[in-house]
Amino acid sequence: MRKFISIMLIVATVMLIASCGSRSKVPEGWYQDTLDYYAEGFRTNWANEKRELHDPVIGTDLKDPRNKFGYLLIDLDGDGGEELLIGIMDNDAHTKFTDVYIWHSNLGAFQIMSKSEGYYAYLCNGNVLRVDSWYGSQTETQYMAYNSDNNSFTILNDTKYIPMKIELTEFQQIAKNYGCLDAQYCAQDLPLPTYALGRRMPMASSSCFLFSSLLRIWIEEC
């Protein structure tokens, strides 16, 4: 009998060394290519999904046709640049976010958090994220504040933050409207154009190392 224990490391911690340099200015509209990718994914049942190491992780929640998804652009740390949060549109009291994208100073558009069967993030007052992770019947809650200076989230000891219900922009509506901007997409039902998407960081190809929510440790007991 084999027992698999999936441990999700949900805290994206960046360890900076001297060669990392300072944060560059966030380009306007840096998130548009990622939004186009998700809009096409919902329109085509993720026939466009890319599965290379550096491509975004698309979790099962995103592929469940019963779920309706939207996005939020918000400046989490007040630096003047927006971060991208992707979440589920439902009747729950608090909005559940499955994916968080940032503009990484070295990597560009970057998927810093992705729900891979292990957590949900909630936006709280003060633009703090509450992240709930679970194993079996046990749930761990952590509060995190984003810091664009080092492309990472800092864990907070304070638990005063309250999750909120957020109005999201629906992806499905974007997908429906997109084709009308170009007749070839409406008439031929072609996939939307894709560009350089938000990426996962290769663990050994940069001078800045990031341990993210994408790391899964499997423990096998025979």
C-alpha atoms as a PDB file:
ATOM      1  CA  MET A   1       0.000   0.000   0.000  1.00  0.00           C
ATOM      2  CA  ARG A   2       1.337   3.371  -0.910  1.00  0.00           C
ATOM      3  CA  LYS A   3       0.500   6.587   0.770  1.00  0.00           C
ATOM      4  CA  PHE A   4       1.284   9.861  -0.941  1.00  0.00           C
ATOM      5  CA  ILE A   5       1.618  12.974   1.135  1.00  0.00           C
ATOM      6  CA  SER A   6       1.524  16.204  -0.822  1.00  0.00           C
ATOM      7  CA  ILE A   7       3.117  19.101   1.001  1.00  0.00           C
ATOM      8  CA  MET A   8       2.469  22.447  -0.661  1.00  0.00           C
ATOM      9  CA  LEU A   9       4.979  25.180   0.073  1.00  0.00           C
ATOM     10  CA  ILE A  10       2.784  28.212  -0.437  1.00  0.00           C
ATOM     11  CA  VAL A  11       5.158  30.938   0.666  1.00  0.00           C
ATOM     12  CA  ALA A  12       7.095  32.411  -2.226  1.00  0.00           C
ATOM     13  CA  THR A  13      10.404  33.419  -0.582  1.00  0.00           C
ATOM     14  CA  VAL A  14      13.056  35.173  -2.575  1.00  0.00           C
ATOM     15  CA  MET A  15      16.652  35.118  -1.337  1.00  0.00           C
ATOM     16  CA  LEU A  16      18.459  38.010  -2.979  1.00  0.00           C
ATOM     17  CA  ILE A  17      22.196  38.165  -3.533  1.00  0.00           C
ATOM     18  CA  ALA A  18      24.282  41.072  -4.744  1.00  0.00           C
ATOM     19  CA  SER A  19      23.779  40.417  -8.440  1.00  0.00           C
ATOM     20  CA  CYS A  20      19.997  40.778  -8.235  1.00  0.00           C
ATOM     21  CA  GLY A  21      20.069  44.547  -8.538  1.00  0.00           C
ATOM     22  CA  SER A  22      17.254  47.015  -7.871  1.00  0.00           C
ATOM     23  CA  ARG A  23      13.630  46.801  -8.975  1.00  0.00           C
ATOM     24  CA  SER A  24      12.918  48.078 -12.468  1.00  0.00           C
ATOM     25  CA  LYS A  25       9.848  50.135 -13.348  1.00  0.00           C
ATOM     26  CA  VAL A  26       6.708  48.077 -13.906  1.00  0.00           C
ATOM     27  CA  PRO A  27       5.657  48.372 -17.567  1.00  0.00           C
ATOM     28  CA  GLU A  28       2.123  49.554 -18.203  1.00  0.00           C
ATOM     29  CA  GLY A  29      -0.166  46.697 -19.214  1.00  0.00           C
ATOM     30  CA  TRP A  30       2.426  43.999 -18.427  1.00  0.00           C
ATOM     31  CA  TYR A  31      -0.412  41.592 -17.528  1.00  0.00           C
ATOM     32  CA  GLN A  32      -2.285  41.753 -20.854  1.00  0.00           C
ATOM     33  CA  ASP A  33      -0.614  38.717 -22.443  1.00  0.00           C
ATOM     34  CA  THR A  34      -1.436  36.618 -19.403  1.00  0.00           C
ATOM     35  CA  LEU A  35      -5.057  37.790 -19.452  1.00  0.00           C
ATOM     36  CA  ASP A  36      -5.279  36.847 -23.139  1.00  0.00           C
ATOM     37  CA  TYR A  37      -3.892  33.394 -22.357  1.00  0.00           C
ATOM     38  CA  TYR A  38      -6.492  32.763 -19.648  1.00  0.00           C
ATOM     39  CA  ALA A  39      -9.312  34.165 -21.781  1.00  0.00           C
ATOM     40  CA  GLU A  40      -8.382  31.791 -24.594  1.00  0.00           C
ATOM     41  CA  GLY A  41      -8.083  28.917 -22.136  1.00  0.00           C
ATOM     42  CA  PHE A  42     -11.622  29.398 -20.874  1.00  0.00           C
ATOM     43  CA  ARG A  43     -12.923  29.787 -24.433  1.00  0.00           C
ATOM     44  CA  THR A  44     -11.228  26.619 -25.736  1.00  0.00           C
ATOM     45  CA  ASN A  45     -11.398  24.417 -22.620  1.00  0.00           C
ATOM     46  CA  TRP A  46      -7.643  24.943 -22.226  1.00  0.00           C
ATOM     47  CA  ALA A  47      -6.705  23.480 -25.591  1.00  0.00           C
ATOM     48  CA  ASN A  48      -4.026  26.198 -25.612  1.00  0.00           C
ATOM     49  CA  GLU A  49      -2.394  25.036 -22.357  1.00  0.00           C
ATOM     50  CA  LYS A  50       1.394  25.104 -22.420  1.00  0.00           C
ATOM     51  CA  ARG A  51       3.173  22.505 -20.292  1.00  0.00           C
ATOM     52  CA  GLU A  52       6.840  23.451 -20.425  1.00  0.00           C
ATOM     53  CA  LEU A  53       8.766  24.059 -17.204  1.00  0.00           C
ATOM     54  CA  HIS A  54       8.506  27.838 -17.370  1.00  0.00           C
ATOM     55  CA  ASP A  55       4.838  28.026 -18.394  1.00  0.00           C
ATOM     56  CA  PRO A  56       2.039  28.933 -15.968  1.00  0.00           C
ATOM     57  CA  VAL A  57       0.489  26.126 -13.933  1.00  0.00           C
ATOM     58  CA  ILE A  58      -3.209  25.705 -14.734  1.00  0.00           C
ATOM     59  CA  GLY A  59      -4.952  23.978 -11.816  1.00  0.00           C
ATOM     60  CA  THR A  60      -8.023  21.767 -11.909  1.00  0.00           C
ATOM     61  CA  ASP A  61     -10.264  24.535 -10.532  1.00  0.00           C
ATOM     62  CA  LEU A  62      -9.538  26.555 -13.657  1.00  0.00           C
ATOM     63  CA  LYS A  63     -10.460  23.611 -15.876  1.00  0.00           C
ATOM     64  CA  ASP A  64     -13.722  22.841 -14.093  1.00  0.00           C
ATOM     65  CA  PRO A  65     -16.509  24.148 -16.353  1.00  0.00           C
ATOM     66  CA  ARG A  66     -18.751  24.626 -13.344  1.00  0.00           C
ATOM     67  CA  ASN A  67     -16.487  27.410 -12.083  1.00  0.00           C
ATOM     68  CA  LYS A  68     -16.655  30.983 -13.322  1.00  0.00           C
ATOM     69  CA  PHE A  69     -13.419  32.935 -13.121  1.00  0.00           C
ATOM     70  CA  GLY A  70     -12.465  36.572 -13.073  1.00  0.00           C
ATOM     71  CA  TYR A  71      -9.475  38.745 -12.322  1.00  0.00           C
ATOM     72  CA  LEU A  72      -8.461  41.740 -10.241  1.00  0.00           C
ATOM     73  CA  LEU A  73      -5.710  44.273 -10.891  1.00  0.00           C
ATOM     74  CA  ILE A  74      -4.515  45.808  -7.648  1.00  0.00           C
ATOM     75  CA  ASP A  75      -1.433  47.570  -6.306  1.00  0.00           C
ATOM     76  CA  LEU A  76      -0.716  45.338  -3.313  1.00  0.00           C
ATOM     77  CA  ASP A  77       2.209  47.296  -1.881  1.00  0.00           C
ATOM     78  CA  GLY A  78       1.580  50.865  -3.019  1.00  0.00           C
ATOM     79  CA  ASP A  79       4.549  51.104  -5.381  1.00  0.00           C
ATOM     80  CA  GLY A  80       2.413  52.325  -8.274  1.00  0.00           C
ATOM     81  CA  GLY A  81       2.498  49.012 -10.173  1.00  0.00           C
ATOM     82  CA  GLU A  82      -0.429  46.610 -10.332  1.00  0.00           C
ATOM     83  CA  GLU A  83      -0.409  42.924  -9.466  1.00  0.00           C
ATOM     84  CA  LEU A  84      -2.783  40.412 -11.083  1.00  0.00           C
ATOM     85  CA  LEU A  85      -5.032  38.153  -8.993  1.00  0.00           C
ATOM     86  CA  ILE A  86      -7.199  35.453 -10.593  1.00  0.00           C
ATOM     87  CA  GLY A  87     -10.117  34.069  -8.624  1.00  0.00           C
ATOM     88  CA  ILE A  88     -13.418  32.210  -8.553  1.00  0.00           C
ATOM     89  CA  MET A  89     -16.698  34.085  -8.977  1.00  0.00           C
ATOM     90  CA  ASP A  90     -19.268  32.389  -6.742  1.00  0.00           C
ATOM     91  CA  ASN A  91     -21.655  33.047  -3.869  1.00  0.00           C
ATOM     92  CA  ASP A  92     -19.134  32.484  -1.076  1.00  0.00           C
ATOM     93  CA  ALA A  93     -18.778  35.257   1.475  1.00  0.00           C
ATOM     94  CA  HIS A  94     -15.103  35.755   0.572  1.00  0.00           C
ATOM     95  CA  THR A  95     -13.473  35.681  -2.863  1.00  0.00           C
ATOM     96  CA  LYS A  96     -11.078  32.764  -3.364  1.00  0.00           C
ATOM     97  CA  PHE A  97      -8.007  33.476  -5.497  1.00  0.00           C
ATOM     98  CA  THR A  98      -6.157  30.638  -7.182  1.00  0.00           C
ATOM     99  CA  ASP A  99      -3.366  32.476  -9.028  1.00  0.00           C
ATOM    100  CA  VAL A 100      -1.236  35.530  -8.297  1.00  0.00           C
ATOM    101  CA  TYR A 101       0.984  37.188 -10.896  1.00  0.00           C
ATOM    102  CA  ILE A 102       3.558  39.915 -10.332  1.00  0.00           C
ATOM    103  CA  TRP A 103       5.982  41.854 -12.479  1.00  0.00           C
ATOM    104  CA  HIS A 104       9.291  40.322 -11.387  1.00  0.00           C
ATOM    105  CA  SER A 105      12.235  42.712 -11.668  1.00  0.00           C
ATOM    106  CA  ASN A 106      14.382  40.054 -13.370  1.00  0.00           C
ATOM    107  CA  LEU A 107      11.845  37.734 -15.015  1.00  0.00           C
ATOM    108  CA  GLY A 108       8.991  39.983 -16.098  1.00  0.00           C
ATOM    109  CA  ALA A 109       5.431  38.618 -15.831  1.00  0.00           C
ATOM    110  CA  PHE A 110       5.679  35.866 -13.216  1.00  0.00           C
ATOM    111  CA  GLN A 111       3.243  33.423 -11.586  1.00  0.00           C
ATOM    112  CA  ILE A 112       4.307  33.670  -7.947  1.00  0.00           C
ATOM    113  CA  MET A 113       1.376  31.660  -6.558  1.00  0.00           C
ATOM    114  CA  SER A 114      -0.726  28.937  -8.141  1.00  0.00           C
ATOM    115  CA  LYS A 115      -3.286  26.722  -6.475  1.00  0.00           C
ATOM    116  CA  SER A 116      -2.176  23.192  -7.182  1.00  0.00           C
ATOM    117  CA  GLU A 117      -4.624  21.239  -5.044  1.00  0.00           C
ATOM    118  CA  GLY A 118      -3.326  22.801  -1.861  1.00  0.00           C
ATOM    119  CA  TYR A 119      -4.441  26.339  -1.045  1.00  0.00           C
ATOM    120  CA  TYR A 120      -6.650  29.352  -1.618  1.00  0.00           C
ATOM    121  CA  ALA A 121      -5.661  32.987  -1.142  1.00  0.00           C
ATOM    122  CA  TYR A 122      -8.026  35.720   0.052  1.00  0.00           C
ATOM    123  CA  LEU A 123      -7.577  39.479  -0.239  1.00  0.00           C
ATOM    124  CA  CYS A 124      -7.925  41.229   3.114  1.00  0.00           C
ATOM    125  CA  ASN A 125      -8.059  44.810   4.313  1.00  0.00           C
ATOM    126  CA  GLY A 126      -4.728  46.563   3.934  1.00  0.00           C
ATOM    127  CA  ASN A 127      -4.113  44.572   0.709  1.00  0.00           C
ATOM    128  CA  VAL A 128      -2.822  41.662   2.771  1.00  0.00           C
ATOM    129  CA  LEU A 129      -3.319  38.122   1.475  1.00  0.00           C
ATOM    130  CA  ARG A 130      -4.623  35.388   3.739  1.00  0.00           C
ATOM    131  CA  VAL A 131      -3.458  32.019   2.453  1.00  0.00           C
ATOM    132  CA  ASP A 132      -5.186  28.867   3.672  1.00  0.00           C
ATOM    133  CA  SER A 133      -3.394  25.598   2.993  1.00  0.00           C
ATOM    134  CA  TRP A 134      -4.499  22.179   4.069  1.00  0.00           C
ATOM    135  CA  TYR A 135      -3.474  18.595   4.492  1.00  0.00           C
ATOM    136  CA  GLY A 136      -6.287  16.230   5.201  1.00  0.00           C
ATOM    137  CA  SER A 137      -8.498  17.761   7.868  1.00  0.00           C
ATOM    138  CA  GLN A 138      -5.830  20.210   9.040  1.00  0.00           C
ATOM    139  CA  THR A 139      -5.741  23.781   7.729  1.00  0.00           C
ATOM    140  CA  GLU A 140      -2.934  26.285   8.175  1.00  0.00           C
ATOM    141  CA  THR A 141      -3.582  30.011   7.778  1.00  0.00           C
ATOM    142  CA  GLN A 142      -0.902  32.594   7.076  1.00  0.00           C
ATOM    143  CA  TYR A 143      -1.105  36.319   6.380  1.00  0.00           C
ATOM    144  CA  MET A 144       1.273  37.792   3.812  1.00  0.00           C
ATOM    145  CA  ALA A 145       2.186  41.252   2.558  1.00  0.00           C
ATOM    146  CA  TYR A 146       3.715  41.740  -0.868  1.00  0.00           C
ATOM    147  CA  ASN A 147       7.009  43.613  -1.256  1.00  0.00           C
ATOM    148  CA  SER A 148       7.857  44.548  -4.825  1.00  0.00           C
ATOM    149  CA  ASP A 149      11.401  45.570  -3.863  1.00  0.00           C
ATOM    150  CA  ASN A 150      12.380  41.908  -3.543  1.00  0.00           C
ATOM    151  CA  ASN A 151       9.561  40.265  -5.525  1.00  0.00           C
ATOM    152  CA  SER A 152       8.289  38.321  -2.525  1.00  0.00           C
ATOM    153  CA  PHE A 153       5.654  37.989   0.182  1.00  0.00           C
ATOM    154  CA  THR A 154       6.499  38.548   3.840  1.00  0.00           C
ATOM    155  CA  ILE A 155       4.671  36.485   6.464  1.00  0.00           C
ATOM    156  CA  LEU A 156       2.920  38.653   9.062  1.00  0.00           C
ATOM    157  CA  ASN A 157       2.394  37.715  12.695  1.00  0.00           C
ATOM    158  CA  ASP A 158      -0.709  39.874  13.028  1.00  0.00           C
ATOM    159  CA  THR A 159      -4.021  38.091  12.400  1.00  0.00           C
ATOM    160  CA  LYS A 160      -6.313  41.134  12.453  1.00  0.00           C
ATOM    161  CA  TYR A 161      -6.911  41.045   8.700  1.00  0.00           C
ATOM    162  CA  ILE A 162     -10.360  40.153   7.375  1.00  0.00           C
ATOM    163  CA  PRO A 163     -10.979  38.471   3.974  1.00  0.00           C
ATOM    164  CA  MET A 164     -13.206  40.452   1.621  1.00  0.00           C
ATOM    165  CA  LYS A 165     -15.733  39.798  -1.117  1.00  0.00           C
ATOM    166  CA  ILE A 166     -14.240  41.267  -4.304  1.00  0.00           C
ATOM    167  CA  GLU A 167     -15.941  42.159  -7.563  1.00  0.00           C
ATOM    168  CA  LEU A 168     -13.941  40.554 -10.362  1.00  0.00           C
ATOM    169  CA  THR A 169     -13.866  41.130 -14.118  1.00  0.00           C
ATOM    170  CA  GLU A 170     -15.168  37.953 -15.732  1.00  0.00           C
ATOM    171  CA  PHE A 171     -12.840  36.082 -18.097  1.00  0.00           C
ATOM    172  CA  GLN A 172     -15.621  34.423 -20.045  1.00  0.00           C
ATOM    173  CA  GLN A 173     -17.007  37.805 -21.043  1.00  0.00           C
ATOM    174  CA  ILE A 174     -13.567  38.868 -22.267  1.00  0.00           C
ATOM    175  CA  ALA A 175     -13.364  35.708 -24.363  1.00  0.00           C
ATOM    176  CA  LYS A 176     -16.788  36.371 -25.879  1.00  0.00           C
ATOM    177  CA  ASN A 177     -15.957  39.966 -26.714  1.00  0.00           C
ATOM    178  CA  TYR A 178     -12.428  39.429 -27.946  1.00  0.00           C
ATOM    179  CA  GLY A 179     -13.326  37.843 -31.279  1.00  0.00           C
ATOM    180  CA  CYS A 180     -15.552  40.773 -32.219  1.00  0.00           C
ATOM    181  CA  LEU A 181     -12.467  42.971 -32.311  1.00  0.00           C
ATOM    182  CA  ASP A 182     -11.162  40.924 -35.228  1.00  0.00           C
ATOM    183  CA  ALA A 183     -13.449  39.253 -37.764  1.00  0.00           C
ATOM    184  CA  GLN A 184     -11.152  36.269 -38.307  1.00  0.00           C
ATOM    185  CA  TYR A 185     -11.562  35.119 -34.711  1.00  0.00           C
ATOM    186  CA  CYS A 186     -15.346  35.423 -34.857  1.00  0.00           C
ATOM    187  CA  ALA A 187     -15.802  33.818 -38.262  1.00  0.00           C
ATOM    188  CA  GLN A 188     -13.280  30.995 -37.949  1.00  0.00           C
ATOM    189  CA  ASP A 189     -13.334  30.404 -34.194  1.00  0.00           C
ATOM    190  CA  LEU A 190      -9.546  30.635 -34.091  1.00  0.00           C
ATOM    191  CA  PRO A 191      -7.634  30.644 -30.818  1.00  0.00           C
ATOM    192  CA  LEU A 192      -6.641  34.005 -29.469  1.00  0.00           C
ATOM    193  CA  PRO A 193      -3.057  35.104 -30.180  1.00  0.00           C
ATOM    194  CA  THR A 194      -0.598  34.241 -27.411  1.00  0.00           C
ATOM    195  CA  TYR A 195       2.513  36.076 -26.384  1.00  0.00           C
ATOM    196  CA  ALA A 196       5.152  35.918 -23.688  1.00  0.00           C
ATOM    197  CA  LEU A 197       3.185  34.658 -20.701  1.00  0.00           C
ATOM    198  CA  GLY A 198       3.693  34.798 -16.977  1.00  0.00           C
ATOM    199  CA  ARG A 199       6.290  32.166 -16.162  1.00  0.00           C
ATOM    200  CA  ARG A 200       7.402  29.977 -13.326  1.00  0.00           C
ATOM    201  CA  MET A 201      10.948  30.676 -12.275  1.00  0.00           C
ATOM    202  CA  PRO A 202      13.556  28.019 -13.175  1.00  0.00           C
ATOM    203  CA  MET A 203      15.180  27.085  -9.885  1.00  0.00           C
ATOM    204  CA  ALA A 204      18.766  27.039 -11.125  1.00  0.00           C
ATOM    205  CA  SER A 205      18.954  29.529 -13.985  1.00  0.00           C
ATOM    206  CA  SER A 206      18.954  32.825 -12.118  1.00  0.00           C
ATOM    207  CA  SER A 207      21.122  34.501  -9.516  1.00  0.00           C
ATOM    208  CA  CYS A 208      17.968  35.047  -7.468  1.00  0.00           C
ATOM    209  CA  PHE A 209      16.554  31.822  -6.095  1.00  0.00           C
ATOM    210  CA  LEU A 210      12.853  31.503  -5.375  1.00  0.00           C
ATOM    211  CA  PHE A 211      11.124  28.752  -3.442  1.00  0.00           C
ATOM    212  CA  SER A 212       7.492  28.999  -4.447  1.00  0.00           C
ATOM    213  CA  SER A 213       4.102  27.396  -4.073  1.00  0.00           C
ATOM    214  CA  LEU A 214       4.900  25.254  -7.080  1.00  0.00           C
ATOM    215  CA  LEU A 215       7.206  22.957  -5.141  1.00  0.00           C
ATOM    216  CA  ARG A 216       5.545  19.682  -4.236  1.00  0.00           C
ATOM    217  CA  ILE A 217       7.208  17.074  -2.052  1.00  0.00           C
ATOM    218  CA  TRP A 218       5.963  13.534  -2.397  1.00  0.00           C
ATOM    219  CA  ILE A 219       6.593  11.094   0.439  1.00  0.00           C
ATOM    220  CA  GLU A 220       6.001   7.492  -0.489  1.00  0.00           C
ATOM    221  CA  GLU A 221       5.455   4.819   2.103  1.00  0.00           C
ATOM    222  CA  CYS A 222       5.469   1.232   0.890  1.00  0.00           C
END
